[in-house]
Amino acid sequence: MTNVGIDFQKVESLRRHMLLNTADMAQLLGVSRVTYYNWVKGRPVRKGNVITVKQKLRGLLNVMTVYSWPPPNVIAMEPRQRLEKLLELLK
């Protein structure tokens, strides 16, 4: 098993651009922080998780492009508020 089609260097760039910490990114992808760290280090994503992770990443990319995330008002927010706003947009 490999992370076919998921480049976690790019995922990390997306995470930083969206002003998310690692715990928040793991939560958004539906995994533990340890699992997310392992993926960043190159460990494989389980076959059953690949589709779900890709869908969630597409959702984040959509928010980034459609809403020009993060807008100035979001940049000024506390991390927890920023995550709540992002979760609203992902619904």
PDB file of N, CA and C in Angstrom:
ATOM      1  N   MET A   1       0.838  -1.185   0.000  1.00  0.00           N
ATOM      2  CA  MET A   1       0.000   0.000   0.000  1.00  0.00           C
ATOM      3  C   MET A   1       0.879   1.243   0.000  1.00  0.00           C
ATOM      4  N   THR A   2       0.541   2.172  -0.845  1.00  0.00           N
ATOM      5  CA  THR A   2       1.222   3.461  -0.862  1.00  0.00           C
ATOM      6  C   THR A   2       0.174   4.546  -0.916  1.00  0.00           C
ATOM      7  N   ASN A   3       0.619   5.764  -0.763  1.00  0.00           N
ATOM      8  CA  ASN A   3      -0.298   6.899  -0.819  1.00  0.00           C
ATOM      9  C   ASN A   3      -0.488   7.340  -2.265  1.00  0.00           C
ATOM     10  N   VAL A   4      -0.922   6.417  -3.098  1.00  0.00           N
ATOM     11  CA  VAL A   4      -1.112   6.685  -4.509  1.00  0.00           C
ATOM     12  C   VAL A   4      -2.100   7.837  -4.672  1.00  0.00           C
ATOM     13  N   GLY A   5      -1.645   8.879  -5.332  1.00  0.00           N
ATOM     14  CA  GLY A   5      -2.523  10.006  -5.603  1.00  0.00           C
ATOM     15  C   GLY A   5      -2.649  10.998  -4.464  1.00  0.00           C
ATOM     16  N   ILE A   6      -2.005  10.761  -3.323  1.00  0.00           N
ATOM     17  CA  ILE A   6      -2.048  11.707  -2.212  1.00  0.00           C
ATOM     18  C   ILE A   6      -0.615  12.109  -1.884  1.00  0.00           C
ATOM     19  N   ASP A   7      -0.278  13.334  -2.194  1.00  0.00           N
ATOM     20  CA  ASP A   7       1.050  13.873  -1.919  1.00  0.00           C
ATOM     21  C   ASP A   7       0.951  14.668  -0.623  1.00  0.00           C
ATOM     22  N   PHE A   8       1.440  14.095   0.461  1.00  0.00           N
ATOM     23  CA  PHE A   8       1.280  14.746   1.755  1.00  0.00           C
ATOM     24  C   PHE A   8       2.164  15.971   1.931  1.00  0.00           C
ATOM     25  N   GLN A   9       3.133  16.187   1.077  1.00  0.00           N
ATOM     26  CA  GLN A   9       3.840  17.473   1.094  1.00  0.00           C
ATOM     27  C   GLN A   9       2.879  18.566   0.644  1.00  0.00           C
ATOM     28  N   LYS A  10       2.061  18.253  -0.352  1.00  0.00           N
ATOM     29  CA  LYS A  10       1.050  19.212  -0.812  1.00  0.00           C
ATOM     30  C   LYS A  10      -0.060  19.365   0.218  1.00  0.00           C
ATOM     31  N   VAL A  11      -0.421  18.280   0.870  1.00  0.00           N
ATOM     32  CA  VAL A  11      -1.446  18.347   1.919  1.00  0.00           C
ATOM     33  C   VAL A  11      -0.946  19.248   3.049  1.00  0.00           C
ATOM     34  N   GLU A  12       0.319  19.126   3.389  1.00  0.00           N
ATOM     35  CA  GLU A  12       0.896  19.987   4.419  1.00  0.00           C
ATOM     36  C   GLU A  12       0.908  21.452   3.972  1.00  0.00           C
ATOM     37  N   SER A  13       1.181  21.703   2.713  1.00  0.00           N
ATOM     38  CA  SER A  13       1.113  23.074   2.196  1.00  0.00           C
ATOM     39  C   SER A  13      -0.306  23.618   2.291  1.00  0.00           C
ATOM     40  N   LEU A  14      -1.267  22.781   1.953  1.00  0.00           N
ATOM     41  CA  LEU A  14      -2.673  23.169   2.066  1.00  0.00           C
ATOM     42  C   LEU A  14      -3.019  23.471   3.518  1.00  0.00           C
ATOM     43  N   ARG A  15      -2.590  22.614   4.434  1.00  0.00           N
ATOM     44  CA  ARG A  15      -2.863  22.818   5.863  1.00  0.00           C
ATOM     45  C   ARG A  15      -2.318  24.154   6.337  1.00  0.00           C
ATOM     46  N   ARG A  16      -1.080  24.443   5.983  1.00  0.00           N
ATOM     47  CA  ARG A  16      -0.473  25.707   6.403  1.00  0.00           C
ATOM     48  C   ARG A  16      -1.172  26.900   5.765  1.00  0.00           C
ATOM     49  N   HIS A  17      -1.501  26.798   4.477  1.00  0.00           N
ATOM     50  CA  HIS A  17      -2.188  27.889   3.790  1.00  0.00           C
ATOM     51  C   HIS A  17      -3.538  28.191   4.444  1.00  0.00           C
ATOM     52  N   MET A  18      -4.223  27.142   4.862  1.00  0.00           N
ATOM     53  CA  MET A  18      -5.549  27.311   5.457  1.00  0.00           C
ATOM     54  C   MET A  18      -5.481  27.669   6.938  1.00  0.00           C
ATOM     55  N   LEU A  19      -4.254  27.838   7.448  1.00  0.00           N
ATOM     56  CA  LEU A  19      -4.003  28.233   8.834  1.00  0.00           C
ATOM     57  C   LEU A  19      -4.562  27.227   9.833  1.00  0.00           C
ATOM     58  N   LEU A  20      -4.364  25.944   9.521  1.00  0.00           N
ATOM     59  CA  LEU A  20      -4.822  24.872  10.395  1.00  0.00           C
ATOM     60  C   LEU A  20      -3.631  24.259  11.116  1.00  0.00           C
ATOM     61  N   ASN A  21      -3.842  23.855  12.363  1.00  0.00           N
ATOM     62  CA  ASN A  21      -2.796  23.104  13.032  1.00  0.00           C
ATOM     63  C   ASN A  21      -2.972  21.626  12.681  1.00  0.00           C
ATOM     64  N   THR A  22      -2.020  20.828  13.059  1.00  0.00           N
ATOM     65  CA  THR A  22      -2.046  19.410  12.691  1.00  0.00           C
ATOM     66  C   THR A  22      -3.251  18.686  13.283  1.00  0.00           C
ATOM     67  N   ALA A  23      -3.592  19.005  14.520  1.00  0.00           N
ATOM     68  CA  ALA A  23      -4.738  18.359  15.160  1.00  0.00           C
ATOM     69  C   ALA A  23      -6.033  18.681  14.410  1.00  0.00           C
ATOM     70  N   ASP A  24      -6.176  19.934  13.973  1.00  0.00           N
ATOM     71  CA  ASP A  24      -7.381  20.318  13.230  1.00  0.00           C
ATOM     72  C   ASP A  24      -7.444  19.618  11.875  1.00  0.00           C
ATOM     73  N   MET A  25      -6.307  19.503  11.202  1.00  0.00           N
ATOM     74  CA  MET A  25      -6.284  18.821   9.909  1.00  0.00           C
ATOM     75  C   MET A  25      -6.636  17.350  10.085  1.00  0.00           C
ATOM     76  N   ALA A  26      -6.086  16.731  11.118  1.00  0.00           N
ATOM     77  CA  ALA A  26      -6.408  15.333  11.386  1.00  0.00           C
ATOM     78  C   ALA A  26      -7.908  15.185  11.647  1.00  0.00           C
ATOM     79  N   GLN A  27      -8.470  16.087  12.434  1.00  0.00           N
ATOM     80  CA  GLN A  27      -9.912  16.047  12.712  1.00  0.00           C
ATOM     81  C   GLN A  27     -10.716  16.177  11.421  1.00  0.00           C
ATOM     82  N   LEU A  28     -10.327  17.111  10.566  1.00  0.00           N
ATOM     83  CA  LEU A  28     -11.048  17.306   9.304  1.00  0.00           C
ATOM     84  C   LEU A  28     -10.975  16.066   8.416  1.00  0.00           C
ATOM     85  N   LEU A  29      -9.868  15.342   8.488  1.00  0.00           N
ATOM     86  CA  LEU A  29      -9.720  14.128   7.679  1.00  0.00           C
ATOM     87  C   LEU A  29     -10.300  12.902   8.370  1.00  0.00           C
ATOM     88  N   GLY A  30     -10.705  13.068   9.635  1.00  0.00           N
ATOM     89  CA  GLY A  30     -11.347  11.973  10.351  1.00  0.00           C
ATOM     90  C   GLY A  30     -10.390  10.920  10.892  1.00  0.00           C
ATOM     91  N   VAL A  31      -9.171  11.355  11.226  1.00  0.00           N
ATOM     92  CA  VAL A  31      -8.172  10.428  11.768  1.00  0.00           C
ATOM     93  C   VAL A  31      -7.524  11.035  13.008  1.00  0.00           C
ATOM     94  N   SER A  32      -6.744  10.223  13.695  1.00  0.00           N
ATOM     95  CA  SER A  32      -6.007  10.731  14.850  1.00  0.00           C
ATOM     96  C   SER A  32      -4.822  11.570  14.376  1.00  0.00           C
ATOM     97  N   ARG A  33      -4.323  12.375  15.287  1.00  0.00           N
ATOM     98  CA  ARG A  33      -3.153  13.183  14.973  1.00  0.00           C
ATOM     99  C   ARG A  33      -1.950  12.286  14.667  1.00  0.00           C
ATOM    100  N   VAL A  34      -1.816  11.195  15.393  1.00  0.00           N
ATOM    101  CA  VAL A  34      -0.706  10.249  15.164  1.00  0.00           C
ATOM    102  C   VAL A  34      -0.796   9.664  13.757  1.00  0.00           C
ATOM    103  N   THR A  35      -1.998   9.279  13.341  1.00  0.00           N
ATOM    104  CA  THR A  35      -2.179   8.740  11.988  1.00  0.00           C
ATOM    105  C   THR A  35      -1.791   9.776  10.949  1.00  0.00           C
ATOM    106  N   TYR A  36      -2.252  11.020  11.139  1.00  0.00           N
ATOM    107  CA  TYR A  36      -1.909  12.079  10.186  1.00  0.00           C
ATOM    108  C   TYR A  36      -0.391  12.270  10.120  1.00  0.00           C
ATOM    109  N   TYR A  37       0.276  12.340  11.280  1.00  0.00           N
ATOM    110  CA  TYR A  37       1.740  12.471  11.295  1.00  0.00           C
ATOM    111  C   TYR A  37       2.401  11.317  10.537  1.00  0.00           C
ATOM    112  N   ASN A  38       1.888  10.113  10.727  1.00  0.00           N
ATOM    113  CA  ASN A  38       2.450   8.961  10.014  1.00  0.00           C
ATOM    114  C   ASN A  38       2.303   9.106   8.510  1.00  0.00           C
ATOM    115  N   TRP A  39       1.171   9.599   8.060  1.00  0.00           N
ATOM    116  CA  TRP A  39       0.969   9.815   6.625  1.00  0.00           C
ATOM    117  C   TRP A  39       1.961  10.845   6.095  1.00  0.00           C
ATOM    118  N   VAL A  40       2.166  11.912   6.851  1.00  0.00           N
ATOM    119  CA  VAL A  40       3.119  12.949   6.429  1.00  0.00           C
ATOM    120  C   VAL A  40       4.529  12.360   6.329  1.00  0.00           C
ATOM    121  N   LYS A  41       4.838  11.425   7.226  1.00  0.00           N
ATOM    122  CA  LYS A  41       6.147  10.779   7.217  1.00  0.00           C
ATOM    123  C   LYS A  41       6.277   9.729   6.116  1.00  0.00           C
ATOM    124  N   GLY A  42       5.178   9.437   5.400  1.00  0.00           N
ATOM    125  CA  GLY A  42       5.252   8.499   4.294  1.00  0.00           C
ATOM    126  C   GLY A  42       4.586   7.163   4.515  1.00  0.00           C
ATOM    127  N   ARG A  43       4.008   6.960   5.685  1.00  0.00           N
ATOM    128  CA  ARG A  43       3.294   5.707   5.911  1.00  0.00           C
ATOM    129  C   ARG A  43       2.070   5.663   5.014  1.00  0.00           C
ATOM    130  N   PRO A  44       1.666   4.471   4.610  1.00  0.00           N
ATOM    131  CA  PRO A  44       0.540   4.361   3.674  1.00  0.00           C
ATOM    132  C   PRO A  44      -0.811   4.657   4.328  1.00  0.00           C
ATOM    133  N   VAL A  45      -1.695   5.188   3.510  1.00  0.00           N
ATOM    134  CA  VAL A  45      -3.092   5.368   3.906  1.00  0.00           C
ATOM    135  C   VAL A  45      -3.785   4.048   3.618  1.00  0.00           C
ATOM    136  N   ARG A  46      -4.554   3.552   4.566  1.00  0.00           N
ATOM    137  CA  ARG A  46      -5.266   2.295   4.332  1.00  0.00           C
ATOM    138  C   ARG A  46      -6.150   2.436   3.109  1.00  0.00           C
ATOM    139  N   LYS A  47      -6.222   1.346   2.373  1.00  0.00           N
ATOM    140  CA  LYS A  47      -6.992   1.327   1.136  1.00  0.00           C
ATOM    141  C   LYS A  47      -8.412   1.859   1.357  1.00  0.00           C
ATOM    142  N   GLY A  48      -9.036   1.476   2.464  1.00  0.00           N
ATOM    143  CA  GLY A  48     -10.398   1.905   2.764  1.00  0.00           C
ATOM    144  C   GLY A  48     -10.522   3.380   3.089  1.00  0.00           C
ATOM    145  N   ASN A  49      -9.414   4.046   3.426  1.00  0.00           N
ATOM    146  CA  ASN A  49      -9.444   5.471   3.776  1.00  0.00           C
ATOM    147  C   ASN A  49      -9.104   6.387   2.610  1.00  0.00           C
ATOM    148  N   VAL A  50      -8.495   5.853   1.570  1.00  0.00           N
ATOM    149  CA  VAL A  50      -8.000   6.699   0.480  1.00  0.00           C
ATOM    150  C   VAL A  50      -9.117   7.541  -0.134  1.00  0.00           C
ATOM    151  N   ILE A  51     -10.231   6.936  -0.459  1.00  0.00           N
ATOM    152  CA  ILE A  51     -11.328   7.666  -1.104  1.00  0.00           C
ATOM    153  C   ILE A  51     -11.862   8.756  -0.179  1.00  0.00           C
ATOM    154  N   THR A  52     -12.053   8.418   1.092  1.00  0.00           N
ATOM    155  CA  THR A  52     -12.574   9.391   2.052  1.00  0.00           C
ATOM    156  C   THR A  52     -11.616  10.567   2.204  1.00  0.00           C
ATOM    157  N   VAL A  53     -10.334  10.290   2.339  1.00  0.00           N
ATOM    158  CA  VAL A  53      -9.345  11.353   2.493  1.00  0.00           C
ATOM    159  C   VAL A  53      -9.328  12.244   1.253  1.00  0.00           C
ATOM    160  N   LYS A  54      -9.356  11.637   0.084  1.00  0.00           N
ATOM    161  CA  LYS A  54      -9.360  12.433  -1.153  1.00  0.00           C
ATOM    162  C   LYS A  54     -10.600  13.316  -1.240  1.00  0.00           C
ATOM    163  N   GLN A  55     -11.758  12.802  -0.858  1.00  0.00           N
ATOM    164  CA  GLN A  55     -12.993  13.602  -0.882  1.00  0.00           C
ATOM    165  C   GLN A  55     -12.884  14.783   0.071  1.00  0.00           C
ATOM    166  N   LYS A  56     -12.369  14.541   1.246  1.00  0.00           N
ATOM    167  CA  LYS A  56     -12.240  15.623   2.228  1.00  0.00           C
ATOM    168  C   LYS A  56     -11.229  16.668   1.763  1.00  0.00           C
ATOM    169  N   LEU A  57     -10.152  16.229   1.141  1.00  0.00           N
ATOM    170  CA  LEU A  57      -9.172  17.178   0.612  1.00  0.00           C
ATOM    171  C   LEU A  57      -9.775  18.005  -0.518  1.00  0.00           C
ATOM    172  N   ARG A  58     -10.592  17.379  -1.355  1.00  0.00           N
ATOM    173  CA  ARG A  58     -11.276  18.138  -2.418  1.00  0.00           C
ATOM    174  C   ARG A  58     -12.193  19.198  -1.817  1.00  0.00           C
ATOM    175  N   GLY A  59     -12.874  18.847  -0.732  1.00  0.00           N
ATOM    176  CA  GLY A  59     -13.731  19.815  -0.050  1.00  0.00           C
ATOM    177  C   GLY A  59     -12.936  20.999   0.467  1.00  0.00           C
ATOM    178  N   LEU A  60     -11.768  20.741   1.042  1.00  0.00           N
ATOM    179  CA  LEU A  60     -10.918  21.828   1.527  1.00  0.00           C
ATOM    180  C   LEU A  60     -10.420  22.695   0.382  1.00  0.00           C
ATOM    181  N   LEU A  61     -10.017  22.068  -0.716  1.00  0.00           N
ATOM    182  CA  LEU A  61      -9.583  22.836  -1.886  1.00  0.00           C
ATOM    183  C   LEU A  61     -10.721  23.679  -2.442  1.00  0.00           C
ATOM    184  N   ASN A  62     -11.918  23.148  -2.406  1.00  0.00           N
ATOM    185  CA  ASN A  62     -13.088  23.894  -2.873  1.00  0.00           C
ATOM    186  C   ASN A  62     -13.311  25.141  -2.017  1.00  0.00           C
ATOM    187  N   VAL A  63     -13.239  24.992  -0.711  1.00  0.00           N
ATOM    188  CA  VAL A  63     -13.393  26.147   0.189  1.00  0.00           C
ATOM    189  C   VAL A  63     -12.303  27.171  -0.087  1.00  0.00           C
ATOM    190  N   MET A  64     -11.096  26.692  -0.297  1.00  0.00           N
ATOM    191  CA  MET A  64      -9.982  27.598  -0.554  1.00  0.00           C
ATOM    192  C   MET A  64     -10.206  28.414  -1.824  1.00  0.00           C
ATOM    193  N   THR A  65     -10.711  27.777  -2.866  1.00  0.00           N
ATOM    194  CA  THR A  65     -10.886  28.491  -4.135  1.00  0.00           C
ATOM    195  C   THR A  65     -12.184  29.293  -4.176  1.00  0.00           C
ATOM    196  N   VAL A  66     -13.285  28.703  -3.754  1.00  0.00           N
ATOM    197  CA  VAL A  66     -14.584  29.383  -3.836  1.00  0.00           C
ATOM    198  C   VAL A  66     -14.664  30.562  -2.870  1.00  0.00           C
ATOM    199  N   TYR A  67     -14.141  30.387  -1.667  1.00  0.00           N
ATOM    200  CA  TYR A  67     -14.253  31.424  -0.634  1.00  0.00           C
ATOM    201  C   TYR A  67     -12.958  32.196  -0.422  1.00  0.00           C
ATOM    202  N   SER A  68     -11.979  31.966  -1.285  1.00  0.00           N
ATOM    203  CA  SER A  68     -10.662  32.613  -1.154  1.00  0.00           C
ATOM    204  C   SER A  68     -10.142  32.476   0.278  1.00  0.00           C
ATOM    205  N   TRP A  69     -10.229  31.260   0.784  1.00  0.00           N
ATOM    206  CA  TRP A  69      -9.830  30.981   2.164  1.00  0.00           C
ATOM    207  C   TRP A  69      -8.333  31.085   2.326  1.00  0.00           C
ATOM    208  N   PRO A  70      -7.876  31.737   3.330  1.00  0.00           N
ATOM    209  CA  PRO A  70      -8.574  32.412   4.409  1.00  0.00           C
ATOM    210  C   PRO A  70      -8.723  33.907   4.127  1.00  0.00           C
ATOM    211  N   PRO A  71      -9.948  34.422   4.196  1.00  0.00           N
ATOM    212  CA  PRO A  71     -10.130  35.866   4.029  1.00  0.00           C
ATOM    213  C   PRO A  71      -9.595  36.607   5.263  1.00  0.00           C
ATOM    214  N   PRO A  72      -9.395  37.902   5.146  1.00  0.00           N
ATOM    215  CA  PRO A  72      -8.816  38.667   6.265  1.00  0.00           C
ATOM    216  C   PRO A  72      -9.544  38.498   7.600  1.00  0.00           C
ATOM    217  N   ASN A  73     -10.866  38.433   7.576  1.00  0.00           N
ATOM    218  CA  ASN A  73     -11.582  38.293   8.844  1.00  0.00           C
ATOM    219  C   ASN A  73     -11.297  36.938   9.500  1.00  0.00           C
ATOM    220  N   VAL A  74     -11.048  35.922   8.702  1.00  0.00           N
ATOM    221  CA  VAL A  74     -10.725  34.600   9.232  1.00  0.00           C
ATOM    222  C   VAL A  74      -9.287  34.566   9.755  1.00  0.00           C
ATOM    223  N   ILE A  75      -8.390  35.241   9.075  1.00  0.00           N
ATOM    224  CA  ILE A  75      -6.995  35.300   9.521  1.00  0.00           C
ATOM    225  C   ILE A  75      -6.922  35.883  10.928  1.00  0.00           C
ATOM    226  N   ALA A  76      -7.778  36.845  11.227  1.00  0.00           N
ATOM    227  CA  ALA A  76      -7.772  37.505  12.533  1.00  0.00           C
ATOM    228  C   ALA A  76      -8.399  36.659  13.642  1.00  0.00           C
ATOM    229  N   MET A  77      -9.072  35.564  13.301  1.00  0.00           N
ATOM    230  CA  MET A  77      -9.757  34.735  14.291  1.00  0.00           C
ATOM    231  C   MET A  77      -8.774  33.885  15.091  1.00  0.00           C
ATOM    232  N   GLU A  78      -9.237  33.467  16.256  1.00  0.00           N
ATOM    233  CA  GLU A  78      -8.517  32.471  17.043  1.00  0.00           C
ATOM    234  C   GLU A  78      -8.630  31.129  16.308  1.00  0.00           C
ATOM    235  N   PRO A  79      -7.674  30.238  16.493  1.00  0.00           N
ATOM    236  CA  PRO A  79      -7.690  28.952  15.777  1.00  0.00           C
ATOM    237  C   PRO A  79      -9.005  28.180  15.910  1.00  0.00           C
ATOM    238  N   ARG A  80      -9.587  28.130  17.090  1.00  0.00           N
ATOM    239  CA  ARG A  80     -10.832  27.368  17.298  1.00  0.00           C
ATOM    240  C   ARG A  80     -11.976  27.994  16.497  1.00  0.00           C
ATOM    241  N   GLN A  81     -12.051  29.327  16.481  1.00  0.00           N
ATOM    242  CA  GLN A  81     -13.087  30.022  15.697  1.00  0.00           C
ATOM    243  C   GLN A  81     -12.880  29.767  14.206  1.00  0.00           C
ATOM    244  N   ARG A  82     -11.630  29.775  13.792  1.00  0.00           N
ATOM    245  CA  ARG A  82     -11.295  29.541  12.384  1.00  0.00           C
ATOM    246  C   ARG A  82     -11.770  28.148  11.954  1.00  0.00           C
ATOM    247  N   LEU A  83     -11.525  27.163  12.790  1.00  0.00           N
ATOM    248  CA  LEU A  83     -11.961  25.800  12.490  1.00  0.00           C
ATOM    249  C   LEU A  83     -13.483  25.726  12.417  1.00  0.00           C
ATOM    250  N   GLU A  84     -14.167  26.364  13.349  1.00  0.00           N
ATOM    251  CA  GLU A  84     -15.636  26.362  13.332  1.00  0.00           C
ATOM    252  C   GLU A  84     -16.159  26.978  12.039  1.00  0.00           C
ATOM    253  N   LYS A  85     -15.580  28.079  11.612  1.00  0.00           N
ATOM    254  CA  LYS A  85     -15.990  28.744  10.370  1.00  0.00           C
ATOM    255  C   LYS A  85     -15.742  27.811   9.168  1.00  0.00           C
ATOM    256  N   LEU A  86     -14.617  27.161   9.168  1.00  0.00           N
ATOM    257  CA  LEU A  86     -14.301  26.230   8.087  1.00  0.00           C
ATOM    258  C   LEU A  86     -15.296  25.068   8.065  1.00  0.00           C
ATOM    259  N   LEU A  87     -15.613  24.537   9.223  1.00  0.00           N
ATOM    260  CA  LEU A  87     -16.589  23.432   9.286  1.00  0.00           C
ATOM    261  C   LEU A  87     -17.950  23.882   8.766  1.00  0.00           C
ATOM    262  N   GLU A  88     -18.346  25.108   9.036  1.00  0.00           N
ATOM    263  CA  GLU A  88     -19.611  25.649   8.494  1.00  0.00           C
ATOM    264  C   GLU A  88     -19.586  25.625   6.967  1.00  0.00           C
ATOM    265  N   LEU A  89     -18.474  26.058   6.385  1.00  0.00           N
ATOM    266  CA  LEU A  89     -18.371  26.125   4.933  1.00  0.00           C
ATOM    267  C   LEU A  89     -18.315  24.735   4.294  1.00  0.00           C
ATOM    268  N   LEU A  90     -17.803  23.773   5.019  1.00  0.00           N
ATOM    269  CA  LEU A  90     -17.683  22.419   4.486  1.00  0.00           C
ATOM    270  C   LEU A  90     -19.014  21.666   4.469  1.00  0.00           C
ATOM    271  N   LYS A  91     -20.003  22.163   5.196  1.00  0.00           N
ATOM    272  CA  LYS A  91     -21.306  21.482   5.252  1.00  0.00           C
ATOM    273  C   LYS A  91     -22.018  21.535   3.924  1.00  0.00           C
TER     274      LYS A  91
END
